[in-house]
């Protein structure tokens, strides 16, 4: 009988902890909502300042990086608007999906090349290590077959 009580207490403790973690994750929703309302210029400015702090950019580097990030932010905002205006909520066909993925990867490659041209080798190495946390968590769970 005592062991049943101990097991019941353990399960209730685990369920309470799991619920608290879900509540903590919902806290990021507020930040996402605020970020949606920012203009591309504000987004580019914030990201540039973060990079300046982490990579110790010069003024010239900062201006170049900010222009690249502004281009990205404008492009992202245009894509978001186009997606919202799209009436069909159907999934893209295989060809459309392939085209979107190729375009995304091409822009990523272009961004890396531009950053490589602007940054020093040491700064670029730091930049490459700066992966968003969600990608790091996702990469841990992906198993290479």
Protein backbone atom coordinates (compact mmCIF):
# COMPACT_ATOMS: atom_id res chain seq x y z
CA UNK A 1 0.00 0.00 0.00
CA UNK A 2 2.82 2.38 0.89
CA UNK A 3 4.50 1.75 -2.45
CA UNK A 4 1.29 2.71 -4.28
CA UNK A 5 1.17 6.02 -2.41
CA UNK A 6 4.81 6.71 -3.24
CA UNK A 7 4.21 5.92 -6.92
CA UNK A 8 1.12 8.16 -7.00
CA UNK A 9 3.08 11.04 -5.47
CA UNK A 10 5.89 10.54 -7.99
CA UNK A 11 3.48 10.64 -10.95
CA UNK A 12 1.73 13.74 -9.67
CA UNK A 13 5.07 15.50 -9.18
CA UNK A 14 6.15 14.63 -12.72
CA UNK A 15 2.90 15.88 -14.22
CA UNK A 16 3.13 19.20 -12.35
CA UNK A 17 6.71 19.72 -13.55
CA UNK A 18 5.73 18.97 -17.14
CA UNK A 19 2.92 21.51 -17.01
CA UNK A 20 5.23 24.20 -15.61
CA UNK A 21 7.68 23.68 -18.47
CA UNK A 22 4.90 24.12 -21.02
CA UNK A 23 3.96 27.41 -19.38
CA UNK A 24 7.58 28.63 -19.57
CA UNK A 25 7.72 27.92 -23.31
CA UNK A 26 4.59 29.99 -23.91
CA UNK A 27 6.45 33.03 -22.61
CA UNK A 28 8.26 33.37 -25.96
CA UNK A 29 4.95 33.98 -27.76
CA UNK A 30 4.92 37.57 -26.50
CA UNK A 31 8.39 38.19 -27.93
CA UNK A 32 7.34 36.70 -31.29
CA UNK A 33 4.31 38.98 -31.44
CA UNK A 34 6.43 42.06 -30.78
CA UNK A 35 9.02 41.00 -33.37
CA UNK A 36 6.28 40.62 -36.00
CA UNK A 37 5.29 44.25 -35.55
CA UNK A 38 8.80 45.64 -36.00
CA UNK A 39 9.77 47.26 -39.29
CA UNK A 40 12.56 45.66 -41.35
CA UNK A 41 14.82 48.59 -40.44
CA UNK A 42 14.28 47.99 -36.71
CA UNK A 43 14.92 44.25 -37.08
CA UNK A 44 18.10 44.84 -39.07
CA UNK A 45 19.28 47.42 -36.55
CA UNK A 46 18.74 45.08 -33.58
CA UNK A 47 20.46 42.15 -35.25
CA UNK A 48 23.38 44.32 -36.32
CA UNK A 49 23.89 45.59 -32.79
CA UNK A 50 23.87 42.03 -31.46
CA UNK A 51 26.45 41.02 -34.03
CA UNK A 52 28.56 44.07 -33.24
CA UNK A 53 28.64 43.08 -29.59
CA UNK A 54 29.44 39.42 -30.26
CA UNK A 55 31.88 39.87 -33.14
CA UNK A 56 33.42 43.25 -32.25
CA UNK A 57 32.62 44.77 -35.67
CA UNK A 58 34.17 47.97 -36.93
CA UNK A 59 31.94 50.85 -38.03
CA UNK A 60 32.45 50.00 -41.70
CA UNK A 61 31.68 46.33 -41.10
CA UNK A 62 28.60 47.28 -39.12
CA UNK A 63 27.22 49.37 -41.99
CA UNK A 64 27.78 46.60 -44.51
CA UNK A 65 26.25 43.95 -42.25
CA UNK A 66 23.27 46.16 -41.51
CA UNK A 67 22.58 46.63 -45.23
CA UNK A 68 22.67 42.84 -45.76
CA UNK A 69 20.38 42.24 -42.79
CA UNK A 70 18.01 44.95 -44.03
CA UNK A 71 17.74 43.20 -47.39
CA UNK A 72 16.95 39.95 -45.60
CA UNK A 73 14.36 41.56 -43.33
CA UNK A 74 12.57 43.22 -46.25
CA UNK A 75 12.56 39.94 -48.17
CA UNK A 76 11.25 38.06 -45.13
CA UNK A 77 8.49 40.63 -44.58
CA UNK A 78 7.44 40.43 -48.24
CA UNK A 79 7.28 36.64 -48.07
CA UNK A 80 5.25 36.81 -44.86
CA UNK A 81 2.75 39.22 -46.46
CA UNK A 82 2.49 37.07 -49.58
CA UNK A 83 1.87 34.01 -47.44
CA UNK A 84 -0.83 35.81 -45.42
CA UNK A 85 -2.52 37.09 -48.58
CA UNK A 86 -2.52 33.65 -50.12
CA UNK A 87 -6.10 32.42 -49.99
CA UNK A 88 -5.34 28.78 -50.57
CA UNK A 89 -4.11 27.00 -47.48
CA UNK A 90 -3.18 23.92 -49.47
CA UNK A 91 0.22 22.41 -49.16
CA UNK A 92 2.61 23.19 -52.01
CA UNK A 93 3.22 20.60 -54.69
CA UNK A 94 6.48 18.70 -54.80
CA UNK A 95 7.85 21.03 -57.49
CA UNK A 96 6.83 24.18 -55.59
CA UNK A 97 8.33 22.82 -52.39
CA UNK A 98 11.58 21.97 -54.15
CA UNK A 99 11.69 25.43 -55.72
CA UNK A 100 11.10 27.14 -52.34
CA UNK A 101 13.77 25.06 -50.62
CA UNK A 102 16.31 25.75 -53.38
CA UNK A 103 15.59 29.49 -53.18
CA UNK A 104 15.94 29.44 -49.38
CA UNK A 105 19.25 27.57 -49.53
CA UNK A 106 20.57 29.82 -52.32
CA UNK A 107 19.84 32.91 -50.24
CA UNK A 108 21.53 31.28 -47.25
CA UNK A 109 24.64 30.53 -49.32
CA UNK A 110 24.64 34.09 -50.65
CA UNK A 111 24.35 35.47 -47.11
CA UNK A 112 27.27 33.36 -45.90
CA UNK A 113 29.41 34.48 -48.82
CA UNK A 114 28.63 38.15 -48.18
CA UNK A 115 29.42 37.76 -44.49
CA UNK A 116 32.65 35.96 -45.34
CA UNK A 117 33.67 38.91 -47.53
CA UNK A 118 32.94 41.44 -44.78
CA UNK A 119 34.24 39.67 -41.67
CA UNK A 120 37.76 38.69 -40.76
CA UNK A 121 38.56 34.98 -40.47
CA UNK A 122 38.31 35.09 -36.68
CA UNK A 123 35.00 36.96 -36.77
CA UNK A 124 33.60 34.61 -39.39
CA UNK A 125 34.54 31.59 -37.27
CA UNK A 126 32.60 33.11 -34.35
CA UNK A 127 29.71 33.93 -36.68
CA UNK A 128 29.53 30.32 -37.83
CA UNK A 129 29.37 29.08 -34.23
CA UNK A 130 26.50 31.45 -33.45
CA UNK A 131 23.65 29.08 -34.25
CA UNK A 132 20.21 29.85 -32.83
CA UNK A 133 19.36 27.68 -29.82
CA UNK A 134 16.35 26.08 -31.46
CA UNK A 135 18.55 24.76 -34.25
CA UNK A 136 21.00 23.33 -31.75
CA UNK A 137 18.20 21.51 -29.93
CA UNK A 138 16.75 20.25 -33.19
CA UNK A 139 20.13 19.03 -34.41
CA UNK A 140 20.60 16.95 -31.27
CA UNK A 141 17.39 15.06 -31.97
CA UNK A 142 18.01 14.44 -35.67
CA UNK A 143 19.62 11.08 -36.26
CA UNK A 144 21.70 10.64 -39.35
CA UNK A 145 20.83 7.40 -41.08
